[in-house]
Amino acid sequence: MTEYYSTQTNFYGDSSPEKLIKEYGSPLYVYNEKILRQHCRDMKNLVDYPNFIPNYSIKANSNLQIIKTVHEEGLRADAMSAGEIRLLLHAGYKPEELFFVPNNVSEAELRYAVENGVLVSVDSLSQLELLGKINPGGNAAVRFNPGVGAGHHEKVVTAGKKTKFGVNIDCVAQVKEIAKKYNLRICGVNQHIGSLFMEGDSYIEGVKSLLSVAGQFEDIDFVDMGGGFGIPYKKQEGQASLDLASFREKLTKVLEQWTDKYGKKILFKSEPGRYIVAECGILLGTVYAVKNNYAHRYVGTDIGFNVLARPVMYDSHHDIEAYRDGKPLNAEAAEEVTVVGNICESGDIIAKDRALPAIQEGDILGIMDAGAYGFAMSSNYNMRLRPAEVMIRENGEAVLIRRRDTFEDLIAPFNV
């Protein structure tokens, strides 16, 4: 194994895992501002096309300071709920910088977006009909299913023949019929093929399919190509990053050829969520028990699936670093262990049969690439407190950006 990722990047700045745990408690989400900003810039340069902007999908990480930082970098934002719209407006986004891309929502949620001046994309004919009743004469976008999907697990594939998302691409005539009925202007089309692709061919095929649909609308303003850009979750095995340079060249060519034919340099968007925040986050936790149960060795931590749900939901892999006395442990002296949390469920497993340094009680583990769908999917299951979130500023300073839950937070909703 090569040098730890946190060491390579000086992830913890002027601090260390031990210092951070001591000050802010365990477990603890830690984010690196420099890495976050760099990934925003990567996505802004995704294509060599002048009229392009990424929309950060805040469902990946909705911490207010993360959102403000992304906004500072010039990204717009996607929202999946009225609550996300409210948070984005609170963070300083203007309504015209937002795109509401919900799935099977109520009239109240659609109305909330319309009344706040946020453009809505619908992903079914019935939702288009509902939007037409709410906002006759307004603008609307439609999410199409290009018939091509991609993703690291079947639960995150969001296009193709077996998914709930999007309008079939053979339903353009019906879309136009409903739009005419309510005098709606279809100003854009969008898609999302899935999450965590590491090579761009499937994404580009999906874009081509979406552009074939977009060309059937006479005067659209934009095409949102969706997201799913992956990051290397297996760095310790030498997994390479997405080849953005090669991807940029291929995608730019597709967009330029289509706009030349369409006769209008429309706006193109993308929807990076995970790529923006995954690598900027490390989840720290403490080892409280090490034991052998028959033929298996278990490392017991305070990182239950209430804190990080991805492994139990998707069988997802996260590299793990181990620290003791302020220093990374030597990974060469490894033993095979299963790392588990403190939730009363047999499925509460972070990593199964993983080769790690010889772990002792009191050691600190760092769960890598936890910035996306980490805290955002956390809960108070077993009445456990959600952890604090800390950001390592570009100057190396650690600042608290969300406090740890308290027992009072658990009881407050019942004070009705």
Protein backbone atom coordinates (compact mmCIF):
# COMPACT_ATOMS: atom_id res chain seq x y z
CA MET A 1 0.00 0.00 0.00
CA THR A 2 1.19 3.52 -0.74
CA GLU A 3 1.21 6.44 1.67
CA TYR A 4 -2.10 7.22 3.34
CA TYR A 5 -4.38 9.58 1.38
CA SER A 6 -4.70 11.89 4.38
CA THR A 7 -0.91 12.21 4.55
CA GLN A 8 -0.54 12.80 0.81
CA THR A 9 -3.08 15.63 0.89
CA ASN A 10 -2.25 17.04 4.35
CA PHE A 11 -5.95 16.47 4.90
CA TYR A 12 -6.06 17.44 8.58
CA GLY A 13 -4.09 20.67 8.16
CA ASP A 14 -2.74 21.97 11.47
CA SER A 15 -4.69 19.38 13.41
CA SER A 16 -4.73 15.57 13.70
CA PRO A 17 -7.38 12.88 14.13
CA GLU A 18 -6.65 12.70 17.87
CA LYS A 19 -6.92 16.46 18.38
CA LEU A 20 -10.15 16.66 16.39
CA ILE A 21 -11.79 13.77 18.25
CA LYS A 22 -10.74 15.26 21.58
CA GLU A 23 -12.25 18.64 20.77
CA TYR A 24 -15.38 17.69 18.81
CA GLY A 25 -16.19 14.15 19.92
CA SER A 26 -16.35 10.75 18.26
CA PRO A 27 -17.52 9.88 15.67
CA LEU A 28 -16.77 13.00 13.62
CA TYR A 29 -17.12 14.09 10.00
CA VAL A 30 -14.13 16.09 8.77
CA TYR A 31 -14.04 17.97 5.45
CA ASN A 32 -11.12 19.56 3.62
CA GLU A 33 -11.96 22.90 2.00
CA LYS A 34 -9.06 22.82 -0.49
CA ILE A 35 -10.12 19.45 -1.91
CA LEU A 36 -13.76 20.60 -2.05
CA ARG A 37 -12.90 23.73 -4.03
CA GLN A 38 -10.65 21.81 -6.43
CA HIS A 39 -13.41 19.36 -7.25
CA CYS A 40 -15.79 22.25 -7.94
CA ARG A 41 -13.23 23.61 -10.41
CA ASP A 42 -12.82 20.18 -12.01
CA MET A 43 -16.52 20.11 -12.80
CA LYS A 44 -16.60 23.70 -14.03
CA ASN A 45 -13.99 22.65 -16.60
CA LEU A 46 -15.78 19.45 -17.56
CA VAL A 47 -16.17 20.54 -21.21
CA ASP A 48 -14.52 23.08 -23.50
CA TYR A 49 -17.88 24.62 -24.34
CA PRO A 50 -18.50 28.25 -23.38
CA ASN A 51 -22.12 27.95 -22.27
CA PHE A 52 -21.83 25.27 -19.56
CA ILE A 53 -22.35 25.19 -15.81
CA PRO A 54 -22.56 22.38 -13.24
CA ASN A 55 -25.42 22.16 -10.75
CA TYR A 56 -24.33 20.71 -7.41
CA SER A 57 -26.79 18.04 -6.23
CA ILE A 58 -27.07 18.88 -2.54
CA LYS A 59 -28.62 15.55 -1.59
CA ALA A 60 -25.02 14.28 -1.51
CA ASN A 61 -24.11 16.67 1.31
CA SER A 62 -26.41 19.43 2.53
CA ASN A 63 -24.20 21.03 5.17
CA LEU A 64 -24.82 24.78 4.98
CA GLN A 65 -21.12 25.69 4.89
CA ILE A 66 -20.45 23.13 2.15
CA ILE A 67 -23.28 24.66 0.10
CA LYS A 68 -21.97 28.19 0.63
CA THR A 69 -18.48 27.13 -0.45
CA VAL A 70 -19.83 25.49 -3.60
CA HIS A 71 -21.83 28.64 -4.34
CA GLU A 72 -18.68 30.75 -3.94
CA GLU A 73 -17.05 28.55 -6.58
CA GLY A 74 -19.80 29.49 -9.05
CA LEU A 75 -21.83 26.29 -9.20
CA ARG A 76 -25.59 26.35 -9.35
CA ALA A 77 -27.64 23.76 -7.47
CA ASP A 78 -30.24 21.03 -7.83
CA ALA A 79 -32.95 20.43 -5.25
CA MET A 80 -34.94 17.24 -4.70
CA SER A 81 -37.41 18.58 -2.13
CA ALA A 82 -39.00 21.77 -0.84
CA GLY A 83 -36.69 21.52 2.15
CA GLU A 84 -33.64 21.56 -0.09
CA ILE A 85 -35.01 24.61 -1.91
CA ARG A 86 -35.47 26.36 1.44
CA LEU A 87 -31.93 25.54 2.53
CA LEU A 88 -30.41 26.69 -0.76
CA LEU A 89 -32.24 30.01 -0.61
CA HIS A 90 -31.03 30.40 2.98
CA ALA A 91 -27.47 29.71 1.79
CA GLY A 92 -27.64 32.66 -0.59
CA TYR A 93 -28.72 31.08 -3.86
CA LYS A 94 -31.10 33.04 -6.05
CA PRO A 95 -34.21 31.22 -7.39
CA GLU A 96 -32.89 31.40 -10.96
CA GLU A 97 -29.75 29.54 -9.86
CA LEU A 98 -31.79 26.54 -8.72
CA PHE A 99 -33.32 23.58 -10.54
CA PHE A 100 -36.04 21.51 -8.85
CA VAL A 101 -35.75 17.88 -10.01
CA PRO A 102 -38.21 15.98 -7.79
CA ASN A 103 -39.66 12.51 -8.07
CA ASN A 104 -43.34 11.75 -7.31
CA VAL A 105 -44.01 14.86 -5.22
CA SER A 106 -47.19 16.46 -3.98
CA GLU A 107 -49.00 19.46 -5.37
CA ALA A 108 -47.83 21.40 -2.31
CA GLU A 109 -44.15 20.80 -3.13
CA LEU A 110 -44.57 21.74 -6.79
CA ARG A 111 -46.45 24.87 -5.77
CA TYR A 112 -43.69 25.78 -3.29
CA ALA A 113 -41.12 25.71 -6.08
CA VAL A 114 -43.30 27.69 -8.49
CA GLU A 115 -44.16 30.33 -5.88
CA ASN A 116 -40.47 30.74 -5.08
CA GLY A 117 -39.54 31.22 -8.74
CA VAL A 118 -37.65 27.93 -9.10
CA LEU A 119 -37.79 26.07 -12.41
CA VAL A 120 -39.29 22.58 -12.12
CA SER A 121 -38.41 19.42 -14.01
CA VAL A 122 -41.00 16.65 -13.96
CA ASP A 123 -40.22 12.98 -14.52
CA SER A 124 -43.65 11.62 -15.47
CA LEU A 125 -46.57 12.64 -17.65
CA SER A 126 -48.87 12.75 -14.63
CA GLN A 127 -46.53 15.18 -12.82
CA LEU A 128 -46.38 17.33 -15.98
CA GLU A 129 -50.19 17.41 -15.96
CA LEU A 130 -50.17 18.45 -12.30
CA LEU A 131 -47.59 21.16 -12.92
CA GLY A 132 -49.68 22.46 -15.82
CA LYS A 133 -52.69 22.83 -13.54
CA ILE A 134 -50.59 24.67 -10.94
CA ASN A 135 -48.62 26.90 -13.31
CA PRO A 136 -50.46 27.28 -16.65
CA GLY A 137 -48.52 29.39 -19.12
CA GLY A 138 -45.25 28.84 -17.27
CA ASN A 139 -41.95 27.18 -18.07
CA ALA A 140 -41.22 23.53 -17.43
CA ALA A 141 -38.47 21.00 -17.98
CA VAL A 142 -38.86 17.27 -18.45
CA ARG A 143 -36.62 14.49 -17.22
CA PHE A 144 -36.33 11.77 -19.84
CA ASN A 145 -35.11 8.22 -19.42
CA PRO A 146 -32.61 7.67 -22.25
CA GLY A 147 -32.77 3.89 -21.89
CA VAL A 148 -29.12 3.77 -20.80
CA GLY A 149 -28.16 3.33 -17.14
CA ALA A 150 -24.93 3.16 -15.15
CA GLY A 151 -23.86 2.81 -11.54
CA HIS A 152 -21.89 0.83 -8.96
CA HIS A 153 -25.02 -0.91 -7.58
CA GLU A 154 -28.48 -1.64 -8.95
CA LYS A 155 -30.00 0.68 -6.33
CA VAL A 156 -28.21 3.71 -7.79
CA VAL A 157 -28.90 3.10 -11.49
CA THR A 158 -31.39 5.84 -12.36
CA ALA A 159 -32.03 5.22 -16.06
CA GLY A 160 -32.49 2.26 -18.34
CA LYS A 161 -35.22 -0.36 -18.64
CA LYS A 162 -35.69 -1.11 -14.92
CA THR A 163 -35.96 2.15 -13.00
CA LYS A 164 -38.71 4.41 -11.70
CA PHE A 165 -37.15 7.59 -13.07
CA GLY A 166 -37.90 9.66 -16.13
CA VAL A 167 -40.28 9.84 -19.07
CA ASN A 168 -39.65 7.30 -21.83
CA ILE A 169 -38.01 8.85 -24.86
CA ASP A 170 -40.86 7.65 -27.08
CA CYS A 171 -43.32 9.90 -25.20
CA VAL A 172 -42.26 13.23 -26.72
CA ALA A 173 -45.58 13.64 -28.55
CA GLN A 174 -47.51 13.16 -25.30
CA VAL A 175 -45.27 15.68 -23.52
CA LYS A 176 -46.01 18.22 -26.25
CA GLU A 177 -49.72 17.51 -26.05
CA ILE A 178 -49.88 18.15 -22.30
CA ALA A 179 -47.69 21.25 -22.66
CA LYS A 180 -50.05 22.64 -25.32
CA LYS A 181 -53.06 21.89 -23.13
CA TYR A 182 -51.72 24.10 -20.35
CA ASN A 183 -49.73 26.53 -22.51
CA LEU A 184 -46.51 25.32 -20.89
CA ARG A 185 -43.20 26.09 -22.54
CA ILE A 186 -40.78 23.16 -22.43
CA CYS A 187 -37.58 25.13 -21.93
CA GLY A 188 -35.24 22.26 -21.16
CA VAL A 189 -34.72 18.52 -20.89
CA ASN A 190 -32.64 16.54 -18.42
CA GLN A 191 -31.58 13.06 -17.41
CA HIS A 192 -29.59 11.17 -14.80
CA ILE A 193 -28.27 7.72 -15.78
CA GLY A 194 -26.90 6.64 -12.40
CA SER A 195 -24.17 7.10 -9.86
CA LEU A 196 -20.46 6.35 -9.72
CA PHE A 197 -19.29 5.62 -13.24
CA MET A 198 -15.49 5.52 -13.67
CA GLU A 199 -15.34 5.59 -17.46
CA GLY A 200 -17.30 8.01 -19.58
CA ASP A 201 -18.58 5.96 -22.53
CA SER A 202 -21.95 5.06 -20.97
CA TYR A 203 -22.46 8.68 -19.92
CA ILE A 204 -21.71 9.95 -23.43
CA GLU A 205 -24.11 7.39 -24.94
CA GLY A 206 -26.77 8.65 -22.56
CA VAL A 207 -26.05 12.25 -23.58
CA LYS A 208 -26.39 11.33 -27.26
CA SER A 209 -29.73 9.70 -26.55
CA LEU A 210 -30.95 12.75 -24.62
CA LEU A 211 -29.81 15.08 -27.40
CA SER A 212 -31.87 13.10 -29.88
CA VAL A 213 -34.87 13.90 -27.69
CA ALA A 214 -33.86 17.54 -27.21
CA GLY A 215 -33.71 17.98 -30.97
CA GLN A 216 -37.45 17.23 -31.16
CA PHE A 217 -38.21 20.46 -29.25
CA GLU A 218 -37.99 23.57 -31.40
CA ASP A 219 -36.69 26.18 -28.97
CA ILE A 220 -35.23 24.89 -25.70
CA ASP A 221 -32.85 26.90 -23.55
CA PHE A 222 -30.83 24.10 -21.98
CA VAL A 223 -30.00 20.43 -21.75
CA ASP A 224 -29.07 19.01 -18.36
CA MET A 225 -26.88 15.97 -19.00
CA GLY A 226 -27.15 14.63 -15.45
CA GLY A 227 -24.37 13.31 -13.28
CA GLY A 228 -22.97 10.21 -11.69
CA PHE A 229 -19.28 11.10 -11.96
CA GLY A 230 -17.36 8.62 -9.85
CA ILE A 231 -14.38 8.87 -7.55
CA PRO A 232 -11.86 6.10 -6.77
CA TYR A 233 -13.09 4.49 -3.57
CA LYS A 234 -10.26 1.92 -3.72
CA LYS A 235 -7.24 4.20 -3.71
CA GLN A 236 -5.31 1.81 -1.48
CA GLU A 237 -5.54 -0.77 -4.28
CA GLY A 238 -4.30 1.74 -6.84
CA GLN A 239 -7.66 2.57 -8.42
CA ALA A 240 -7.26 5.53 -10.77
CA SER A 241 -9.43 8.62 -10.90
CA LEU A 242 -11.89 9.32 -13.69
CA ASP A 243 -9.93 10.42 -16.77
CA LEU A 244 -11.48 13.84 -17.10
CA ALA A 245 -9.12 15.02 -19.85
CA SER A 246 -10.13 12.25 -22.25
CA PHE A 247 -13.75 12.55 -21.17
CA ARG A 248 -13.70 16.32 -21.77
CA GLU A 249 -12.49 15.94 -25.34
CA LYS A 250 -15.10 13.33 -26.29
CA LEU A 251 -18.03 15.12 -24.63
CA THR A 252 -17.11 18.54 -26.02
CA LYS A 253 -17.11 17.11 -29.54
CA VAL A 254 -20.60 15.64 -29.07
CA LEU A 255 -22.00 18.93 -27.74
CA GLU A 256 -20.42 21.08 -30.46
CA GLN A 257 -21.67 18.83 -33.25
CA TRP A 258 -25.21 18.84 -31.85
CA THR A 259 -25.43 22.61 -31.31
CA ASP A 260 -24.10 23.27 -34.81
CA LYS A 261 -26.94 21.15 -36.15
CA TYR A 262 -29.55 22.61 -33.77
CA GLY A 263 -28.52 26.15 -34.69
CA LYS A 264 -28.38 27.53 -31.15
CA LYS A 265 -25.61 27.52 -28.55
CA ILE A 266 -27.90 26.46 -25.72
CA LEU A 267 -26.82 26.10 -22.11
CA PHE A 268 -25.57 22.69 -21.04
CA LYS A 269 -25.66 21.61 -17.40
CA SER A 270 -24.42 18.64 -15.41
CA GLU A 271 -25.42 17.32 -11.98
CA PRO A 272 -22.31 16.33 -10.01
CA GLY A 273 -23.10 15.47 -6.43
CA ARG A 274 -20.75 12.75 -5.24
CA TYR A 275 -17.76 13.98 -7.27
CA ILE A 276 -17.88 17.39 -5.61
CA VAL A 277 -17.86 16.23 -1.98
CA ALA A 278 -16.92 12.54 -1.61
CA GLU A 279 -13.13 12.87 -1.47
CA CYS A 280 -13.20 15.98 0.69
CA GLY A 281 -14.73 14.05 3.61
CA ILE A 282 -13.27 11.59 6.13
CA LEU A 283 -15.33 10.03 8.91
CA LEU A 284 -13.35 9.54 12.12
CA GLY A 285 -14.35 7.04 14.80
CA THR A 286 -12.91 5.31 17.83
CA VAL A 287 -12.21 1.62 18.42
CA TYR A 288 -13.81 0.44 21.67
CA ALA A 289 -13.55 -3.34 21.37
CA VAL A 290 -11.43 -5.95 19.60
CA LYS A 291 -12.40 -9.61 19.86
CA ASN A 292 -12.38 -13.00 18.20
CA ASN A 293 -15.72 -14.72 17.61
CA TYR A 294 -14.76 -18.23 16.54
CA ALA A 295 -12.77 -17.85 13.30
CA HIS A 296 -13.43 -14.14 12.84
CA ARG A 297 -11.70 -11.11 14.34
CA TYR A 298 -13.91 -8.07 14.94
CA VAL A 299 -12.95 -4.44 15.43
CA GLY A 300 -15.82 -2.69 17.21
CA THR A 301 -16.23 1.06 16.70
CA ASP A 302 -18.68 3.88 17.33
CA ILE A 303 -19.30 4.17 13.57
CA GLY A 304 -22.66 2.47 13.22
CA PHE A 305 -24.79 2.52 10.09
CA ASN A 306 -26.72 5.36 11.68
CA VAL A 307 -23.56 7.41 10.99
CA LEU A 308 -22.55 5.88 7.63
CA ALA A 309 -25.29 3.96 5.81
CA ARG A 310 -23.60 3.31 2.45
CA PRO A 311 -21.96 -0.05 3.31
CA VAL A 312 -25.17 -1.61 4.63
CA MET A 313 -27.30 -0.14 1.82
CA TYR A 314 -25.05 -0.72 -1.19
CA ASP A 315 -22.28 -3.07 0.02
CA SER A 316 -20.08 -0.10 -0.76
CA HIS A 317 -16.33 -0.03 -0.19
CA HIS A 318 -14.53 2.66 1.79
CA ASP A 319 -10.78 2.58 2.32
CA ILE A 320 -9.83 2.74 5.99
CA GLU A 321 -6.88 4.46 7.66
CA ALA A 322 -5.81 3.73 11.25
CA TYR A 323 -4.14 6.15 13.67
CA ARG A 324 -2.49 5.85 17.08
CA ASP A 325 -0.73 8.48 19.17
CA GLY A 326 -1.12 11.08 16.44
CA LYS A 327 0.47 8.94 13.72
CA PRO A 328 -0.82 6.62 10.96
CA LEU A 329 -0.32 2.94 11.75
CA ASN A 330 2.05 0.93 9.59
CA ALA A 331 -0.23 -0.83 7.11
CA GLU A 332 2.40 -3.39 6.19
CA ALA A 333 1.79 -5.35 9.42
CA ALA A 334 -1.77 -6.26 8.47
CA GLU A 335 -4.33 -8.73 9.77
CA GLU A 336 -7.74 -9.63 8.39
CA VAL A 337 -10.57 -8.14 10.41
CA THR A 338 -14.22 -7.17 10.10
CA VAL A 339 -14.93 -3.60 11.18
CA VAL A 340 -18.33 -3.15 12.79
CA GLY A 341 -20.36 -0.43 14.46
CA ASN A 342 -22.39 -0.11 17.66
CA ILE A 343 -25.91 -0.61 16.26
CA CYS A 344 -27.95 -3.62 17.38
CA GLU A 345 -28.13 -5.16 13.90
CA SER A 346 -26.08 -7.99 12.38
CA GLY A 347 -25.75 -5.95 9.20
CA ASP A 348 -23.93 -3.14 11.01
CA ILE A 349 -20.68 -3.75 9.15
CA ILE A 350 -18.34 -1.09 7.79
CA ALA A 351 -15.80 -3.42 6.18
CA LYS A 352 -15.79 -7.22 5.99
CA ASP A 353 -12.61 -9.33 5.98
CA ARG A 354 -10.41 -6.27 5.43
CA ALA A 355 -6.61 -6.34 5.81
CA LEU A 356 -5.77 -3.60 8.34
CA PRO A 357 -2.89 -2.84 10.71
CA ALA A 358 -3.10 -4.60 14.09
CA ILE A 359 -5.83 -2.55 15.77
CA GLN A 360 -6.09 -1.91 19.51
CA GLU A 361 -8.78 -0.40 21.71
CA GLY A 362 -8.42 3.37 21.66
CA ASP A 363 -7.13 3.58 18.09
CA ILE A 364 -8.87 5.95 15.70
CA LEU A 365 -10.12 4.85 12.29
CA GLY A 366 -10.59 7.14 9.32
CA ILE A 367 -13.25 6.06 6.83
CA MET A 368 -12.17 7.55 3.53
CA ASP A 369 -14.28 9.29 0.89
CA ALA A 370 -17.20 9.81 3.26
CA GLY A 371 -18.16 13.32 2.15
CA ALA A 372 -20.98 12.15 -0.11
CA TYR A 373 -24.06 10.38 1.25
CA GLY A 374 -22.44 10.16 4.67
CA PHE A 375 -23.90 12.67 7.09
CA ALA A 376 -26.70 13.36 4.60
CA MET A 377 -28.05 9.82 5.15
CA SER A 378 -27.33 9.64 8.89
CA SER A 379 -30.04 9.14 11.49
CA ASN A 380 -30.75 8.85 15.20
CA TYR A 381 -31.48 5.12 14.95
CA ASN A 382 -31.03 3.43 18.36
CA MET A 383 -31.43 7.00 19.68
CA ARG A 384 -27.79 7.70 18.94
CA LEU A 385 -26.52 11.23 18.46
CA ARG A 386 -25.50 12.36 15.00
CA PRO A 387 -21.87 13.52 14.92
CA ALA A 388 -20.47 16.99 14.53
CA GLU A 389 -19.04 18.21 11.23
CA VAL A 390 -15.76 20.10 10.98
CA MET A 391 -14.06 21.80 8.04
CA ILE A 392 -10.29 22.13 7.64
CA ARG A 393 -9.87 25.55 6.06
CA GLU A 394 -7.35 26.22 3.32
CA ASN A 395 -5.10 27.83 5.96
CA GLY A 396 -5.10 24.57 7.96
CA GLU A 397 -7.48 25.77 10.70
CA ALA A 398 -10.26 23.45 11.89
CA VAL A 399 -13.69 25.06 12.29
CA LEU A 400 -16.97 23.58 13.51
CA ILE A 401 -19.65 23.74 10.79
CA ARG A 402 -22.33 21.67 12.52
CA ARG A 403 -22.50 20.83 16.19
CA ARG A 404 -22.97 17.34 17.55
CA ASP A 405 -26.52 16.34 18.51
CA THR A 406 -27.51 16.55 22.16
CA PHE A 407 -29.94 14.45 24.18
CA GLU A 408 -32.22 17.50 24.16
CA ASP A 409 -32.33 17.31 20.35
CA LEU A 410 -33.68 13.77 20.61
CA ILE A 411 -36.47 14.79 22.99
CA ALA A 412 -37.43 18.16 21.46
CA PRO A 413 -39.74 16.84 18.68
CA PHE A 414 -41.96 15.20 21.29
CA ASN A 415 -42.61 18.47 23.10
CA VAL A 416 -45.84 19.08 21.19
